[in-house]
Amino acid sequence: MEGYRSSLVRATDNLTYPYDTERQLRTEEDRSAYLEAALEDGEPQLIAAAREDVARSRSLFYTYELAPRPAEVRGGWRLRLLELGQEVGGGVFPPEDTTKEALDEAYGEAMEEGEAWLAFRPEGDTLED
């Protein structure tokens, strides 16, 4: 079935847990080895799936959230930069004025900041338990 991604299951003591490949890819070294193995296999669908797994694994560890701010504090957006679900930075992006265009511009600036933070995560970051 096109677009279907199977979920592997691992059994332990009569309990089953979904196996989540992305959570096992904790370091850039893990991700590189995983992708290299898929490339060695040479199967285009496997390579595409491995690339998706690697991208998702990064988003589990590093992400950002944007939330609207109350009008009482000039509105706009609050950016939270997250590592493993913990806030490690961020900022506020108030609009220049009360127009929709100004609010959209503030949103765009917040998005750019969040995307830039994701794009410049250092190679080789290790996020061990």
N, C-alpha and C. Protein backbone atom coordinates (compact mmCIF):
# COMPACT_ATOMS: atom_id res chain seq x y z
N MET A 1 0.84 -1.19 0.00
CA MET A 1 0.00 0.00 0.00
C MET A 1 0.88 1.24 0.00
N GLU A 2 0.63 2.13 -0.92
CA GLU A 2 1.42 3.33 -1.01
C GLU A 2 1.17 4.23 0.20
N GLY A 3 2.25 4.80 0.75
CA GLY A 3 2.12 5.69 1.89
C GLY A 3 1.98 4.97 3.22
N TYR A 4 1.94 3.64 3.21
CA TYR A 4 1.78 2.88 4.44
C TYR A 4 3.15 2.61 5.03
N ARG A 5 3.31 2.87 6.31
CA ARG A 5 4.56 2.60 7.01
C ARG A 5 4.25 1.62 8.11
N SER A 6 4.83 0.43 8.00
CA SER A 6 4.53 -0.60 9.00
C SER A 6 5.17 -0.25 10.32
N SER A 7 4.54 -0.68 11.38
CA SER A 7 5.05 -0.47 12.72
C SER A 7 5.51 -1.82 13.25
N LEU A 8 6.82 -1.93 13.47
CA LEU A 8 7.35 -3.17 14.01
C LEU A 8 7.04 -3.23 15.50
N VAL A 9 6.86 -4.43 16.01
CA VAL A 9 6.52 -4.59 17.41
C VAL A 9 7.52 -5.52 18.05
N ARG A 10 7.93 -5.21 19.27
CA ARG A 10 8.86 -6.02 20.01
C ARG A 10 8.12 -6.56 21.24
N ALA A 11 8.24 -7.84 21.51
CA ALA A 11 7.55 -8.46 22.64
C ALA A 11 8.52 -8.64 23.80
N THR A 12 8.10 -8.26 25.01
CA THR A 12 8.89 -8.43 26.21
C THR A 12 7.95 -8.79 27.35
N ASP A 13 8.17 -9.95 27.97
CA ASP A 13 7.34 -10.38 29.10
C ASP A 13 5.85 -10.30 28.79
N ASN A 14 5.45 -10.80 27.64
CA ASN A 14 4.06 -10.83 27.21
C ASN A 14 3.45 -9.45 26.97
N LEU A 15 4.27 -8.42 26.95
CA LEU A 15 3.80 -7.07 26.63
C LEU A 15 4.40 -6.69 25.28
N THR A 16 3.68 -5.93 24.50
CA THR A 16 4.23 -5.49 23.23
C THR A 16 4.37 -3.97 23.24
N TYR A 17 5.43 -3.51 22.62
CA TYR A 17 5.71 -2.09 22.52
C TYR A 17 6.03 -1.78 21.07
N PRO A 18 5.55 -0.67 20.56
CA PRO A 18 5.92 -0.31 19.20
C PRO A 18 7.43 -0.02 19.15
N TYR A 19 8.10 -0.54 18.14
CA TYR A 19 9.52 -0.28 17.97
C TYR A 19 9.66 1.00 17.17
N ASP A 20 10.36 1.95 17.71
CA ASP A 20 10.49 3.26 17.10
C ASP A 20 11.94 3.48 16.68
N THR A 21 12.22 3.24 15.41
CA THR A 21 13.58 3.38 14.89
C THR A 21 14.16 4.75 15.19
N GLU A 22 13.36 5.79 15.03
CA GLU A 22 13.86 7.15 15.20
C GLU A 22 14.45 7.38 16.59
N ARG A 23 13.86 6.75 17.61
CA ARG A 23 14.36 6.95 18.98
C ARG A 23 15.67 6.21 19.22
N GLN A 24 16.02 5.27 18.36
CA GLN A 24 17.28 4.54 18.51
C GLN A 24 18.44 5.29 17.85
N LEU A 25 18.13 6.23 16.99
CA LEU A 25 19.16 6.99 16.28
C LEU A 25 19.47 8.25 17.08
N ARG A 26 20.32 8.10 18.11
CA ARG A 26 20.55 9.18 19.07
C ARG A 26 21.71 10.10 18.72
N THR A 27 22.66 9.64 17.93
CA THR A 27 23.83 10.46 17.60
C THR A 27 23.97 10.57 16.09
N GLU A 28 24.77 11.52 15.65
CA GLU A 28 25.04 11.64 14.22
C GLU A 28 25.76 10.39 13.72
N GLU A 29 26.58 9.78 14.56
CA GLU A 29 27.26 8.55 14.19
C GLU A 29 26.25 7.43 13.94
N ASP A 30 25.25 7.31 14.83
CA ASP A 30 24.18 6.31 14.64
C ASP A 30 23.44 6.56 13.34
N ARG A 31 23.11 7.82 13.10
CA ARG A 31 22.35 8.17 11.90
C ARG A 31 23.15 7.86 10.63
N SER A 32 24.44 8.20 10.65
CA SER A 32 25.30 7.95 9.49
C SER A 32 25.42 6.46 9.20
N ALA A 33 25.62 5.66 10.24
CA ALA A 33 25.75 4.21 10.06
C ALA A 33 24.45 3.62 9.52
N TYR A 34 23.33 4.08 10.03
CA TYR A 34 22.02 3.60 9.59
C TYR A 34 21.80 3.92 8.12
N LEU A 35 22.09 5.15 7.74
CA LEU A 35 21.91 5.57 6.35
C LEU A 35 22.90 4.86 5.43
N GLU A 36 24.13 4.68 5.90
CA GLU A 36 25.13 3.97 5.10
C GLU A 36 24.70 2.53 4.82
N ALA A 37 24.12 1.87 5.82
CA ALA A 37 23.64 0.50 5.63
C ALA A 37 22.54 0.45 4.57
N ALA A 38 21.65 1.43 4.59
CA ALA A 38 20.58 1.48 3.58
C ALA A 38 21.17 1.74 2.19
N LEU A 39 22.16 2.62 2.12
CA LEU A 39 22.79 2.92 0.82
C LEU A 39 23.53 1.71 0.27
N GLU A 40 24.16 0.94 1.16
CA GLU A 40 24.85 -0.27 0.72
C GLU A 40 23.86 -1.29 0.14
N ASP A 41 22.67 -1.35 0.72
CA ASP A 41 21.64 -2.26 0.21
C ASP A 41 21.23 -1.85 -1.20
N GLY A 42 21.15 -0.54 -1.42
CA GLY A 42 20.86 -0.03 -2.76
C GLY A 42 19.40 0.03 -3.16
N GLU A 43 18.49 -0.47 -2.32
CA GLU A 43 17.05 -0.46 -2.64
C GLU A 43 16.52 0.97 -2.48
N PRO A 44 16.01 1.58 -3.54
CA PRO A 44 15.55 2.97 -3.46
C PRO A 44 14.51 3.23 -2.37
N GLN A 45 13.55 2.32 -2.19
CA GLN A 45 12.53 2.53 -1.16
C GLN A 45 13.13 2.46 0.24
N LEU A 46 14.09 1.58 0.44
CA LEU A 46 14.76 1.47 1.74
C LEU A 46 15.57 2.73 2.03
N ILE A 47 16.27 3.22 1.02
CA ILE A 47 17.06 4.46 1.18
C ILE A 47 16.15 5.62 1.53
N ALA A 48 15.03 5.74 0.83
CA ALA A 48 14.08 6.83 1.12
C ALA A 48 13.53 6.71 2.54
N ALA A 49 13.19 5.50 2.94
CA ALA A 49 12.66 5.29 4.30
C ALA A 49 13.73 5.61 5.34
N ALA A 50 14.97 5.23 5.09
CA ALA A 50 16.06 5.52 6.04
C ALA A 50 16.28 7.02 6.16
N ARG A 51 16.21 7.73 5.04
CA ARG A 51 16.36 9.19 5.09
C ARG A 51 15.24 9.83 5.92
N GLU A 52 14.02 9.32 5.76
CA GLU A 52 12.90 9.83 6.55
C GLU A 52 13.11 9.53 8.04
N ASP A 53 13.58 8.31 8.35
CA ASP A 53 13.84 7.94 9.74
C ASP A 53 14.88 8.88 10.37
N VAL A 54 15.94 9.17 9.62
CA VAL A 54 16.99 10.05 10.12
C VAL A 54 16.44 11.46 10.37
N ALA A 55 15.66 11.96 9.43
CA ALA A 55 15.07 13.29 9.60
C ALA A 55 14.15 13.33 10.82
N ARG A 56 13.32 12.28 10.98
CA ARG A 56 12.43 12.23 12.14
C ARG A 56 13.21 12.11 13.44
N SER A 57 14.32 11.37 13.42
CA SER A 57 15.10 11.20 14.66
C SER A 57 15.65 12.54 15.12
N ARG A 58 16.05 13.37 14.19
CA ARG A 58 16.54 14.71 14.58
C ARG A 58 15.42 15.54 15.18
N SER A 59 14.23 15.42 14.62
CA SER A 59 13.12 16.24 15.12
C SER A 59 12.64 15.78 16.50
N LEU A 60 12.93 14.54 16.88
CA LEU A 60 12.59 14.08 18.23
C LEU A 60 13.43 14.78 19.28
N PHE A 61 14.66 15.09 18.92
CA PHE A 61 15.59 15.67 19.88
C PHE A 61 15.59 17.19 19.84
N TYR A 62 15.45 17.75 18.66
CA TYR A 62 15.48 19.20 18.49
C TYR A 62 14.21 19.64 17.79
N THR A 63 13.54 20.59 18.38
CA THR A 63 12.33 21.12 17.76
C THR A 63 12.08 22.52 18.33
N TYR A 64 11.05 23.14 17.83
CA TYR A 64 10.64 24.42 18.39
C TYR A 64 9.13 24.52 18.37
N GLU A 65 8.61 25.41 19.20
CA GLU A 65 7.17 25.65 19.26
C GLU A 65 6.92 27.15 19.15
N LEU A 66 5.86 27.50 18.46
CA LEU A 66 5.40 28.88 18.39
C LEU A 66 4.01 28.95 19.01
N ALA A 67 3.81 29.91 19.88
CA ALA A 67 2.50 30.08 20.50
C ALA A 67 2.12 31.56 20.45
N PRO A 68 0.84 31.84 20.23
CA PRO A 68 0.42 33.25 20.24
C PRO A 68 0.54 33.84 21.64
N ARG A 69 0.88 35.11 21.70
CA ARG A 69 0.96 35.82 22.98
C ARG A 69 -0.33 36.62 23.18
N PRO A 70 -0.72 36.83 24.44
CA PRO A 70 -1.95 37.59 24.72
C PRO A 70 -1.86 39.04 24.22
N ALA A 71 -2.99 39.57 23.85
CA ALA A 71 -3.05 40.96 23.37
C ALA A 71 -2.60 41.95 24.44
N GLU A 72 -2.79 41.58 25.72
CA GLU A 72 -2.40 42.48 26.82
C GLU A 72 -0.90 42.78 26.81
N VAL A 73 -0.11 41.89 26.22
CA VAL A 73 1.34 42.11 26.15
C VAL A 73 1.77 42.37 24.70
N ARG A 74 0.91 43.02 23.94
CA ARG A 74 1.12 43.41 22.55
C ARG A 74 0.99 42.28 21.55
N GLY A 75 0.56 41.11 21.97
CA GLY A 75 0.34 40.02 21.02
C GLY A 75 1.63 39.50 20.43
N GLY A 76 1.53 38.97 19.23
CA GLY A 76 2.70 38.41 18.57
C GLY A 76 2.87 36.94 18.90
N TRP A 77 4.12 36.51 18.95
CA TRP A 77 4.42 35.09 19.08
C TRP A 77 5.52 34.84 20.09
N ARG A 78 5.43 33.70 20.77
CA ARG A 78 6.47 33.25 21.68
C ARG A 78 7.11 32.01 21.06
N LEU A 79 8.42 32.04 20.93
CA LEU A 79 9.20 30.94 20.37
C LEU A 79 9.88 30.20 21.51
N ARG A 80 9.72 28.87 21.52
CA ARG A 80 10.42 28.01 22.50
C ARG A 80 11.31 27.05 21.72
N LEU A 81 12.62 27.07 21.99
CA LEU A 81 13.56 26.14 21.39
C LEU A 81 13.71 24.97 22.34
N LEU A 82 13.54 23.74 21.83
CA LEU A 82 13.48 22.57 22.70
C LEU A 82 14.53 21.52 22.33
N GLU A 83 15.18 20.97 23.35
CA GLU A 83 16.05 19.80 23.21
C GLU A 83 15.48 18.74 24.13
N LEU A 84 15.15 17.59 23.56
CA LEU A 84 14.55 16.49 24.32
C LEU A 84 13.36 16.97 25.14
N GLY A 85 12.58 17.87 24.58
CA GLY A 85 11.37 18.36 25.22
C GLY A 85 11.59 19.44 26.26
N GLN A 86 12.84 19.79 26.55
CA GLN A 86 13.15 20.82 27.54
C GLN A 86 13.48 22.12 26.83
N GLU A 87 12.94 23.21 27.33
CA GLU A 87 13.21 24.51 26.73
C GLU A 87 14.65 24.92 27.00
N VAL A 88 15.37 25.28 25.93
CA VAL A 88 16.76 25.69 26.05
C VAL A 88 16.98 27.10 25.51
N GLY A 89 15.94 27.73 25.06
CA GLY A 89 16.06 29.09 24.54
C GLY A 89 14.76 29.51 23.89
N GLY A 90 14.78 30.67 23.27
CA GLY A 90 13.59 31.15 22.60
C GLY A 90 13.54 32.66 22.61
N GLY A 91 12.35 33.19 22.44
CA GLY A 91 12.18 34.63 22.43
C GLY A 91 10.75 35.00 22.14
N VAL A 92 10.51 36.31 22.13
CA VAL A 92 9.18 36.82 21.80
C VAL A 92 9.30 37.68 20.55
N PHE A 93 8.24 37.66 19.76
CA PHE A 93 8.21 38.36 18.49
C PHE A 93 6.92 39.17 18.41
N PRO A 94 6.92 40.37 19.00
CA PRO A 94 5.71 41.21 18.94
C PRO A 94 5.60 41.89 17.58
N PRO A 95 4.37 42.16 17.14
CA PRO A 95 4.19 42.88 15.87
C PRO A 95 4.54 44.35 16.04
N GLU A 96 4.93 45.00 14.94
CA GLU A 96 5.26 46.43 14.97
C GLU A 96 4.02 47.28 15.26
N ASP A 97 2.86 46.81 14.77
CA ASP A 97 1.60 47.51 15.02
C ASP A 97 0.49 46.46 15.06
N THR A 98 -0.76 46.88 15.01
CA THR A 98 -1.88 45.95 15.19
C THR A 98 -2.47 45.41 13.89
N THR A 99 -1.80 45.65 12.77
CA THR A 99 -2.32 45.16 11.49
C THR A 99 -2.03 43.68 11.31
N LYS A 100 -2.83 43.04 10.46
CA LYS A 100 -2.62 41.63 10.15
C LYS A 100 -1.26 41.42 9.50
N GLU A 101 -0.85 42.36 8.65
CA GLU A 101 0.45 42.25 7.99
C GLU A 101 1.59 42.24 9.01
N ALA A 102 1.49 43.09 10.03
CA ALA A 102 2.53 43.14 11.06
C ALA A 102 2.55 41.85 11.87
N LEU A 103 1.38 41.30 12.15
CA LEU A 103 1.31 40.03 12.88
C LEU A 103 1.90 38.90 12.04
N ASP A 104 1.59 38.89 10.74
CA ASP A 104 2.16 37.89 9.83
C ASP A 104 3.68 38.02 9.74
N GLU A 105 4.17 39.25 9.72
CA GLU A 105 5.62 39.47 9.66
C GLU A 105 6.30 38.97 10.94
N ALA A 106 5.69 39.21 12.08
CA ALA A 106 6.24 38.72 13.35
C ALA A 106 6.27 37.20 13.37
N TYR A 107 5.22 36.59 12.84
CA TYR A 107 5.16 35.13 12.76
C TYR A 107 6.29 34.61 11.86
N GLY A 108 6.48 35.24 10.72
CA GLY A 108 7.54 34.83 9.80
C GLY A 108 8.92 34.94 10.43
N GLU A 109 9.15 36.00 11.19
CA GLU A 109 10.44 36.17 11.86
C GLU A 109 10.66 35.08 12.91
N ALA A 110 9.61 34.74 13.65
CA ALA A 110 9.72 33.68 14.65
C ALA A 110 10.00 32.34 14.00
N MET A 111 9.30 32.05 12.89
CA MET A 111 9.53 30.81 12.16
C MET A 111 10.97 30.73 11.63
N GLU A 112 11.45 31.83 11.06
CA GLU A 112 12.82 31.86 10.55
C GLU A 112 13.82 31.58 11.65
N GLU A 113 13.60 32.16 12.82
CA GLU A 113 14.51 31.94 13.96
C GLU A 113 14.49 30.47 14.38
N GLY A 114 13.31 29.87 14.47
CA GLY A 114 13.21 28.46 14.84
C GLY A 114 13.86 27.55 13.81
N GLU A 115 13.63 27.80 12.53
CA GLU A 115 14.22 26.99 11.46
C GLU A 115 15.73 27.16 11.43
N ALA A 116 16.22 28.37 11.65
CA ALA A 116 17.67 28.61 11.67
C ALA A 116 18.31 27.83 12.82
N TRP A 117 17.64 27.80 13.96
CA TRP A 117 18.16 27.06 15.10
C TRP A 117 18.27 25.57 14.76
N LEU A 118 17.25 25.02 14.13
CA LEU A 118 17.28 23.61 13.73
C LEU A 118 18.38 23.34 12.71
N ALA A 119 18.53 24.23 11.75
CA ALA A 119 19.48 24.02 10.66
C ALA A 119 20.93 24.05 11.13
N PHE A 120 21.20 24.74 12.22
CA PHE A 120 22.57 24.89 12.66
C PHE A 120 22.89 24.11 13.92
N ARG A 121 22.19 22.99 14.11
CA ARG A 121 22.54 22.09 15.22
C ARG A 121 23.90 21.51 14.89
N PRO A 122 24.85 21.52 15.82
CA PRO A 122 26.21 21.03 15.53
C PRO A 122 26.22 19.57 15.12
N GLU A 123 27.07 19.22 14.16
CA GLU A 123 27.29 17.83 13.77
C GLU A 123 27.86 17.09 14.97
N GLY A 124 27.44 15.84 15.12
CA GLY A 124 28.00 15.01 16.16
C GLY A 124 27.42 15.23 17.55
N ASP A 125 26.34 16.02 17.65
CA ASP A 125 25.70 16.16 18.96
C ASP A 125 25.34 14.78 19.48
N THR A 126 25.56 14.56 20.75
CA THR A 126 25.23 13.28 21.36
C THR A 126 24.18 13.52 22.42
N LEU A 127 23.08 12.82 22.31
CA LEU A 127 22.00 12.94 23.27
C LEU A 127 21.75 11.56 23.87
N GLU A 128 22.58 11.17 24.80
CA GLU A 128 22.47 9.86 25.44
C GLU A 128 21.52 9.95 26.62
N ASP A 129 20.96 8.80 27.02
CA ASP A 129 20.10 8.76 28.21
C ASP A 129 20.87 9.14 29.43
